[in-house]
Amino acid sequence: MAVATAATCLTLTAFAVPASVAAVTSGPAGGSLPFTVPPPAGVAAASGVSSALPASVPKSLTTPGSAGAPPRQLFVPDLIAAVPAGITSAQLAKIRKLPGVMAVLPVDGGKVTVNGESADVLGVSPQAFRSWTPPQTAAAAAVWTDLGKGQLVGTHAAAARLHLAAGNSYQVSAAVQVQVPFGAQTPLSVPGVDAVVDQARSAQLGLVKNVAVLINAPGTDLAKLMSQVRSVTGPGGQVRNLVPYSVVTESNKLPVTTNVPTTGVPHNLIPLYQESAEEYCPGMSWTVLAAINEIESGDGANDGPSSAGALGPMQFLPSTWAEWGIDAFGQTGAPDIMNPLDAVPSAARLLCAAGAANSASLSSAIFAYNHATWYVAEVLALASEYAQAYP
């Protein structure tokens, strides 16, 4: 089997977003929505049910939507910058100081051969990378146990393409050839990445140290920030905008996964968010629904079940769905937890019952949807990014 040299193979093409996706290049920097970013008053540092939740919040909304112990704060990667030879400490320090940058995470990586097929693999610190993954991944204890044991953790799509089964070991070829056990399958936060390994395994394989850096900059003019990052990385660096991966397509609309051609039914996510908010929670910005859908399921790309059994694009627990699920557009005659035409309006209805129509209690309503202070902050920050993309 041919051996690929990781040090010479990796470019950002490994992380490229689909060609049909256009970058967000307009919208005012620092745009804001009429709600507050701080978590609900009275929420302690350790997340849990706040005594400050409105008394009118239905009992079913006080049940957490996910299990496990994810980090208290998650970061949505807005940009990724890569340098084939590795990003230097000086470059990383400069990127950290750029206006609007909230957090950065350097990662190792390279193009390798897994089970005879080409794959793009990142080498990460499990503890640090956990905060940069989707909520269901961050909450899945098995993922982080397997990663800490030196196992290869990959996406569902990669496992199918590479013919990998959990518990089996496969030959991974990079600078060296190593038998590596395959562990959990889980969604990752960087499009184009097939799998991750821990830093010890990354060093063994010879992946490029600090080949890329993930950048979180909510509410920032990303077109401007991309230019600033390029000035730091120099002509050898490449920068990609990860927000369009799930926010903007070239038609400036997102497809809804439905083939129903009924008149009056929205066929794109943005109109669906807008109509759902207007109909079921007047006063709440549609961007809150957009942010929750992206964070919970990657706009329906990862419908679950989660480790707690949550399902669908808005990740409802079946017990919560039984109370709040509605057949909003009359598609099937019964509420379908997997159909965004039902799930998004149902989420709007649930959020409204928790107080989302009022800007003063919106944070509490989001907290009721998913009991974590990091979740509230991330939803509001991402909602602000949607507001900039669709001014």
Protein backbone atom coordinates (compact mmCIF):
# COMPACT_ATOMS: atom_id res chain seq x y z
CA MET A 1 0.00 0.00 0.00
CA ALA A 2 1.34 3.41 -0.93
CA VAL A 3 2.32 5.70 1.90
CA ALA A 4 1.10 9.30 1.77
CA THR A 5 3.22 11.95 3.39
CA ALA A 6 0.94 14.11 5.49
CA ALA A 7 3.39 16.99 5.54
CA THR A 8 2.99 17.58 1.82
CA CYS A 9 -0.65 16.67 1.17
CA LEU A 10 -2.90 18.89 3.21
CA THR A 11 -4.40 22.07 1.84
CA LEU A 12 -7.71 23.65 2.66
CA THR A 13 -9.31 21.78 -0.21
CA ALA A 14 -9.70 19.08 2.40
CA PHE A 15 -12.05 21.36 4.28
CA ALA A 16 -13.68 23.02 1.28
CA VAL A 17 -17.37 23.80 1.55
CA PRO A 18 -19.61 22.76 -1.35
CA ALA A 19 -19.06 24.68 -4.59
CA SER A 20 -22.68 25.84 -4.58
CA VAL A 21 -22.16 27.69 -1.35
CA ALA A 22 -21.42 31.39 -1.51
CA ALA A 23 -19.52 33.30 1.16
CA VAL A 24 -21.21 35.86 3.33
CA THR A 25 -19.78 39.08 1.98
CA SER A 26 -22.29 41.67 3.06
CA GLY A 27 -24.14 42.80 6.12
CA PRO A 28 -23.10 45.33 8.74
CA ALA A 29 -20.42 44.39 11.22
CA GLY A 30 -21.52 44.20 14.80
CA GLY A 31 -25.20 43.89 13.93
CA SER A 32 -27.44 43.00 16.83
CA LEU A 33 -30.94 41.79 17.52
CA PRO A 34 -33.36 43.12 20.10
CA PHE A 35 -32.48 40.70 22.84
CA THR A 36 -29.82 40.36 25.49
CA VAL A 37 -26.86 37.98 25.29
CA PRO A 38 -26.29 37.21 29.00
CA PRO A 39 -27.72 33.90 30.28
CA PRO A 40 -30.93 33.96 32.26
CA ALA A 41 -30.73 35.72 35.59
CA GLY A 42 -30.20 33.34 38.44
CA VAL A 43 -28.51 30.63 36.40
CA ALA A 44 -25.57 29.34 38.39
CA ALA A 45 -22.14 28.58 36.94
CA ALA A 46 -22.99 24.89 36.93
CA SER A 47 -25.81 24.56 34.45
CA GLY A 48 -29.14 23.30 35.68
CA VAL A 49 -32.74 24.35 36.01
CA SER A 50 -32.86 27.95 37.11
CA SER A 51 -35.17 29.06 39.85
CA ALA A 52 -35.57 32.23 37.79
CA LEU A 53 -37.48 30.47 34.98
CA PRO A 54 -40.95 32.00 34.62
CA ALA A 55 -43.61 30.22 36.67
CA SER A 56 -45.68 29.87 33.50
CA VAL A 57 -43.11 27.65 31.78
CA PRO A 58 -44.75 24.24 31.24
CA LYS A 59 -43.28 21.36 33.20
CA SER A 60 -42.27 19.54 30.02
CA LEU A 61 -39.88 22.38 29.18
CA THR A 62 -37.82 21.81 32.30
CA THR A 63 -36.50 18.49 31.00
CA PRO A 64 -33.02 18.82 29.45
CA GLY A 65 -32.86 17.95 25.78
CA SER A 66 -29.53 16.14 25.89
CA ALA A 67 -27.57 13.88 28.19
CA GLY A 68 -23.92 13.74 29.15
CA ALA A 69 -21.60 16.43 30.42
CA PRO A 70 -20.57 18.69 27.54
CA PRO A 71 -18.47 21.79 28.11
CA ARG A 72 -20.25 24.80 29.60
CA GLN A 73 -19.40 26.76 26.46
CA LEU A 74 -19.32 25.67 22.84
CA PHE A 75 -17.82 27.56 19.92
CA VAL A 76 -19.17 27.54 16.39
CA PRO A 77 -16.20 27.61 13.97
CA ASP A 78 -16.80 30.56 11.65
CA LEU A 79 -13.51 30.40 9.72
CA ILE A 80 -10.71 27.92 9.18
CA ALA A 81 -7.24 29.01 8.12
CA ALA A 82 -4.55 26.55 7.03
CA VAL A 83 -0.87 26.72 6.20
CA PRO A 84 0.58 23.52 4.65
CA ALA A 85 3.80 23.82 6.67
CA GLY A 86 1.97 24.67 9.89
CA ILE A 87 0.83 27.89 11.53
CA THR A 88 3.51 29.44 13.73
CA SER A 89 3.01 30.55 17.32
CA ALA A 90 3.50 34.15 16.23
CA GLN A 91 0.82 33.85 13.55
CA LEU A 92 -1.56 32.23 16.01
CA ALA A 93 -1.00 35.05 18.50
CA LYS A 94 -1.78 37.65 15.82
CA ILE A 95 -4.99 35.88 14.81
CA ARG A 96 -6.12 35.78 18.45
CA LYS A 97 -5.79 39.57 18.62
CA LEU A 98 -7.77 40.36 15.46
CA PRO A 99 -10.94 42.41 16.13
CA GLY A 100 -13.99 40.24 16.72
CA VAL A 101 -12.13 37.00 17.34
CA MET A 102 -13.55 35.33 20.43
CA ALA A 103 -11.64 32.06 20.36
CA VAL A 104 -9.19 30.06 18.25
CA LEU A 105 -8.19 26.41 18.20
CA PRO A 106 -5.08 25.13 16.38
CA VAL A 107 -5.38 21.59 15.02
CA ASP A 108 -3.00 19.12 13.41
CA GLY A 109 -4.01 17.37 10.23
CA GLY A 110 -3.26 15.69 6.96
CA LYS A 111 -4.57 13.60 4.11
CA VAL A 112 -4.05 9.93 4.94
CA THR A 113 -5.13 6.51 3.71
CA VAL A 114 -7.63 4.63 5.89
CA ASN A 115 -8.59 1.09 4.96
CA GLY A 116 -7.22 1.72 1.47
CA GLU A 117 -9.18 4.95 0.88
CA SER A 118 -8.12 8.59 1.07
CA ALA A 119 -9.35 10.51 4.11
CA ASP A 120 -8.85 13.92 5.71
CA VAL A 121 -8.00 13.57 9.39
CA LEU A 122 -7.48 16.14 12.15
CA GLY A 123 -5.29 15.65 15.20
CA VAL A 124 -6.81 17.36 18.23
CA SER A 125 -6.70 17.74 21.97
CA PRO A 126 -9.97 16.01 22.97
CA GLN A 127 -10.56 18.37 25.88
CA ALA A 128 -10.11 21.48 23.71
CA PHE A 129 -11.81 20.19 20.57
CA ARG A 130 -14.91 19.09 22.46
CA SER A 131 -15.94 22.73 22.81
CA TRP A 132 -15.87 23.12 19.01
CA THR A 133 -18.20 20.24 18.17
CA PRO A 134 -21.99 20.11 17.71
CA PRO A 135 -23.94 19.75 20.99
CA GLN A 136 -24.85 16.10 20.42
CA THR A 137 -21.17 15.29 19.81
CA ALA A 138 -20.00 17.27 22.82
CA ALA A 139 -22.52 15.42 24.98
CA ALA A 140 -21.61 11.93 23.74
CA ALA A 141 -19.25 10.50 26.37
CA ALA A 142 -18.31 7.53 24.19
CA VAL A 143 -16.82 9.83 21.55
CA TRP A 144 -14.37 11.37 23.98
CA THR A 145 -13.55 8.09 25.68
CA ASP A 146 -12.69 6.52 22.33
CA LEU A 147 -10.71 9.54 21.19
CA GLY A 148 -8.71 9.56 24.42
CA LYS A 149 -7.81 5.91 23.85
CA GLY A 150 -6.15 6.76 20.53
CA GLN A 151 -9.03 5.49 18.42
CA LEU A 152 -10.16 6.99 15.14
CA VAL A 153 -13.48 8.82 15.52
CA GLY A 154 -15.26 9.60 12.26
CA THR A 155 -18.45 10.92 10.75
CA HIS A 156 -21.24 8.58 9.71
CA ALA A 157 -20.63 9.42 6.06
CA ALA A 158 -16.91 8.67 6.36
CA ALA A 159 -17.55 5.36 8.12
CA ALA A 160 -19.82 4.29 5.27
CA ARG A 161 -17.42 5.45 2.55
CA LEU A 162 -14.35 3.92 4.19
CA HIS A 163 -16.19 0.74 5.22
CA LEU A 164 -15.37 1.12 8.90
CA ALA A 165 -17.07 -0.68 11.78
CA ALA A 166 -16.75 0.24 15.44
CA GLY A 167 -14.41 -2.04 17.37
CA ASN A 168 -12.38 -3.11 14.35
CA SER A 169 -8.84 -1.94 13.61
CA TYR A 170 -7.73 -0.64 10.22
CA GLN A 171 -4.47 0.28 8.57
CA VAL A 172 -3.92 4.03 8.53
CA SER A 173 -1.10 5.22 6.30
CA ALA A 174 0.47 8.63 6.58
CA ALA A 175 4.16 9.19 7.33
CA VAL A 176 3.97 5.67 8.81
CA GLN A 177 1.51 2.78 8.64
CA VAL A 178 -0.35 2.01 11.87
CA GLN A 179 -3.23 -0.25 12.85
CA VAL A 180 -5.79 2.04 14.47
CA PRO A 181 -9.06 0.97 16.14
CA PHE A 182 -12.20 2.67 14.85
CA GLY A 183 -14.42 4.07 17.58
CA ALA A 184 -17.57 6.15 17.66
CA GLN A 185 -19.33 7.73 14.71
CA THR A 186 -20.40 11.32 15.26
CA PRO A 187 -21.05 14.64 13.52
CA LEU A 188 -18.06 16.97 13.32
CA SER A 189 -18.03 20.74 13.02
CA VAL A 190 -15.73 21.15 10.00
CA PRO A 191 -17.10 20.21 6.58
CA GLY A 192 -14.74 17.98 4.60
CA VAL A 193 -13.09 16.41 7.64
CA ASP A 194 -13.66 12.66 7.76
CA ALA A 195 -12.26 11.80 11.17
CA VAL A 196 -10.22 12.95 14.15
CA VAL A 197 -7.55 11.38 16.34
CA ASP A 198 -5.91 12.60 19.52
CA GLN A 199 -2.60 14.41 19.48
CA ALA A 200 -0.57 11.37 20.48
CA ARG A 201 -1.92 9.37 17.54
CA SER A 202 -1.50 12.41 15.30
CA ALA A 203 2.19 12.65 16.20
CA GLN A 204 2.62 8.92 15.59
CA LEU A 205 1.11 9.24 12.12
CA GLY A 206 3.21 12.30 11.32
CA LEU A 207 0.32 14.70 10.72
CA VAL A 208 1.32 18.35 10.28
CA LYS A 209 1.48 20.16 13.61
CA ASN A 210 -0.90 23.15 13.77
CA VAL A 211 -1.73 22.83 10.08
CA ALA A 212 -4.94 24.81 10.61
CA VAL A 213 -6.73 27.00 13.11
CA LEU A 214 -10.47 27.17 13.78
CA ILE A 215 -11.70 30.70 14.46
CA ASN A 216 -14.85 31.73 16.34
CA ALA A 217 -15.94 35.32 15.71
CA PRO A 218 -19.72 35.67 16.21
CA GLY A 219 -21.25 38.91 14.99
CA THR A 220 -18.15 39.86 13.01
CA ASP A 221 -17.89 40.92 9.36
CA LEU A 222 -16.40 37.63 8.18
CA ALA A 223 -15.36 38.91 4.75
CA LYS A 224 -13.22 41.56 6.44
CA LEU A 225 -11.88 39.10 8.99
CA MET A 226 -10.92 36.63 6.25
CA SER A 227 -8.81 39.34 4.62
CA GLN A 228 -7.12 40.11 7.93
CA VAL A 229 -6.38 36.43 8.56
CA ARG A 230 -4.89 36.08 5.07
CA SER A 231 -2.58 38.98 5.83
CA VAL A 232 -1.34 37.03 8.85
CA THR A 233 -0.91 33.64 7.19
CA GLY A 234 0.72 35.09 4.07
CA PRO A 235 0.52 33.85 0.46
CA GLY A 236 0.97 30.22 1.50
CA GLY A 237 -2.12 30.24 3.70
CA GLN A 238 -5.71 29.53 2.78
CA VAL A 239 -8.83 30.74 4.55
CA ARG A 240 -12.37 29.39 4.25
CA ASN A 241 -15.65 30.75 5.58
CA LEU A 242 -17.47 27.92 7.38
CA VAL A 243 -20.66 29.87 8.07
CA PRO A 244 -22.02 29.42 4.52
CA TYR A 245 -21.78 25.66 4.98
CA SER A 246 -25.08 25.85 6.79
CA VAL A 247 -26.23 29.45 6.42
CA VAL A 248 -26.14 30.73 2.84
CA THR A 249 -26.34 29.08 -0.56
CA GLU A 250 -25.74 30.73 -3.91
CA SER A 251 -29.49 31.31 -4.23
CA ASN A 252 -29.41 32.94 -0.78
CA LYS A 253 -31.81 30.29 0.45
CA LEU A 254 -31.51 26.93 2.13
CA PRO A 255 -33.29 23.83 0.87
CA VAL A 256 -35.85 22.12 3.05
CA THR A 257 -35.68 18.34 2.89
CA THR A 258 -39.15 17.86 1.46
CA ASN A 259 -40.52 17.16 -1.98
CA VAL A 260 -44.08 18.22 -1.24
CA PRO A 261 -45.13 20.83 -3.85
CA THR A 262 -48.21 22.09 -1.98
CA THR A 263 -49.06 25.73 -2.60
CA GLY A 264 -48.37 27.91 0.42
CA VAL A 265 -45.81 25.56 1.94
CA PRO A 266 -42.30 27.06 2.31
CA HIS A 267 -39.70 25.17 0.30
CA ASN A 268 -36.63 26.81 1.83
CA LEU A 269 -35.49 27.07 5.41
CA ILE A 270 -35.34 30.85 5.66
CA PRO A 271 -39.01 31.33 4.69
CA LEU A 272 -39.88 28.41 6.97
CA TYR A 273 -38.16 30.08 9.93
CA GLN A 274 -39.84 33.38 9.13
CA GLU A 275 -43.34 31.94 8.75
CA SER A 276 -42.96 29.77 11.84
CA ALA A 277 -41.91 32.69 14.01
CA GLU A 278 -44.64 34.94 12.64
CA GLU A 279 -47.39 32.35 13.05
CA TYR A 280 -46.42 30.64 16.30
CA CYS A 281 -44.34 33.19 18.19
CA PRO A 282 -44.94 36.79 17.08
CA GLY A 283 -42.27 38.97 18.62
CA MET A 284 -39.49 36.36 18.41
CA SER A 285 -36.92 36.82 15.66
CA TRP A 286 -36.89 33.99 13.11
CA THR A 287 -33.11 33.94 13.45
CA VAL A 288 -33.48 32.19 16.82
CA LEU A 289 -35.08 29.22 15.06
CA ALA A 290 -32.34 29.29 12.43
CA ALA A 291 -29.62 29.22 15.09
CA ILE A 292 -31.25 26.39 17.04
CA ASN A 293 -31.68 24.28 13.91
CA GLU A 294 -28.03 24.75 12.94
CA ILE A 295 -26.66 24.04 16.40
CA GLU A 296 -28.93 21.09 17.13
CA SER A 297 -28.70 19.21 13.83
CA GLY A 298 -26.65 21.15 11.29
CA ASP A 299 -29.88 22.20 9.54
CA GLY A 300 -31.17 18.65 9.48
CA ALA A 301 -27.90 16.98 8.47
CA ASN A 302 -27.71 15.07 11.78
CA ASP A 303 -31.22 14.13 12.82
CA GLY A 304 -30.18 11.76 15.59
CA PRO A 305 -31.09 10.03 17.70
CA SER A 306 -28.87 11.83 20.19
CA SER A 307 -27.43 10.13 23.24
CA ALA A 308 -30.64 11.09 25.06
CA GLY A 309 -32.90 9.89 22.26
CA ALA A 310 -33.70 13.31 20.78
CA LEU A 311 -34.77 13.21 17.14
CA GLY A 312 -35.24 15.38 14.10
CA PRO A 313 -33.88 18.70 12.88
CA MET A 314 -34.87 20.50 16.09
CA GLN A 315 -33.86 17.55 18.34
CA PHE A 316 -37.06 16.97 20.27
CA LEU A 317 -37.30 14.29 22.91
CA PRO A 318 -40.24 12.04 21.95
CA SER A 319 -41.99 12.89 25.23
CA THR A 320 -41.69 16.62 24.53
CA TRP A 321 -42.76 16.11 20.92
CA ALA A 322 -45.91 14.30 22.08
CA GLU A 323 -46.99 17.51 23.81
CA TRP A 324 -45.70 20.18 21.43
CA GLY A 325 -45.44 18.59 17.99
CA ILE A 326 -47.90 19.88 15.39
CA ASP A 327 -48.68 19.15 11.74
CA ALA A 328 -48.17 22.78 10.83
CA PHE A 329 -48.73 22.65 7.08
CA GLY A 330 -51.03 19.63 6.83
CA GLN A 331 -48.50 17.47 5.00
CA THR A 332 -49.13 14.09 6.59
CA GLY A 333 -52.12 14.53 8.86
CA ALA A 334 -49.96 13.77 11.89
CA PRO A 335 -46.96 15.63 13.39
CA ASP A 336 -43.68 14.27 12.00
CA ILE A 337 -40.69 14.81 14.31
CA MET A 338 -38.30 14.29 11.38
CA ASN A 339 -39.95 16.79 9.02
CA PRO A 340 -38.70 20.39 9.32
CA LEU A 341 -42.13 21.60 8.14
CA ASP A 342 -43.47 20.27 11.44
CA ALA A 343 -40.40 20.46 13.68
CA VAL A 344 -39.52 24.13 13.15
CA PRO A 345 -43.05 25.47 13.81
CA SER A 346 -43.31 23.13 16.82
CA ALA A 347 -40.07 24.56 18.20
CA ALA A 348 -41.44 28.07 17.75
CA ARG A 349 -44.58 27.08 19.65
CA LEU A 350 -42.55 25.53 22.47
CA LEU A 351 -40.21 28.49 22.73
CA CYS A 352 -43.12 30.92 22.81
CA ALA A 353 -44.70 29.07 25.73
CA ALA A 354 -41.44 29.60 27.58
CA GLY A 355 -41.44 33.35 26.93
CA ALA A 356 -39.46 33.75 23.69
CA ALA A 357 -41.83 36.41 22.32
CA ASN A 358 -40.58 38.83 24.97
CA SER A 359 -36.99 40.04 24.59
CA ALA A 360 -36.65 40.23 28.37
CA SER A 361 -37.35 36.50 28.76
CA LEU A 362 -35.90 35.18 25.49
CA SER A 363 -32.71 33.96 27.18
CA SER A 364 -34.78 32.02 29.72
CA ALA A 365 -36.84 30.49 26.91
CA ILE A 366 -33.72 29.27 25.09
CA PHE A 367 -32.35 27.96 28.37
CA ALA A 368 -35.60 26.03 28.84
CA TYR A 369 -35.10 24.49 25.38
CA ASN A 370 -31.64 23.21 26.33
CA HIS A 371 -30.39 23.59 29.89
CA ALA A 372 -26.91 25.05 29.40
CA THR A 373 -25.60 28.57 29.69
CA TRP A 374 -23.22 28.03 26.77
CA TYR A 375 -26.22 27.02 24.66
CA VAL A 376 -28.02 30.30 25.32
CA ALA A 377 -24.95 32.36 24.42
CA GLU A 378 -24.23 30.33 21.28
CA VAL A 379 -27.82 30.52 20.00
CA LEU A 380 -27.93 34.27 20.45
CA ALA A 381 -24.50 34.77 18.87
CA LEU A 382 -25.37 32.63 15.86
CA ALA A 383 -28.75 34.34 15.52
CA SER A 384 -26.86 37.61 15.23
CA GLU A 385 -24.80 36.13 12.38
CA TYR A 386 -28.00 35.18 10.56
CA ALA A 387 -29.26 38.72 11.00
CA GLN A 388 -26.12 40.00 9.29
CA ALA A 389 -26.41 37.49 6.46
CA TYR A 390 -30.04 38.47 5.86
CA PRO A 391 -30.21 42.19 6.73
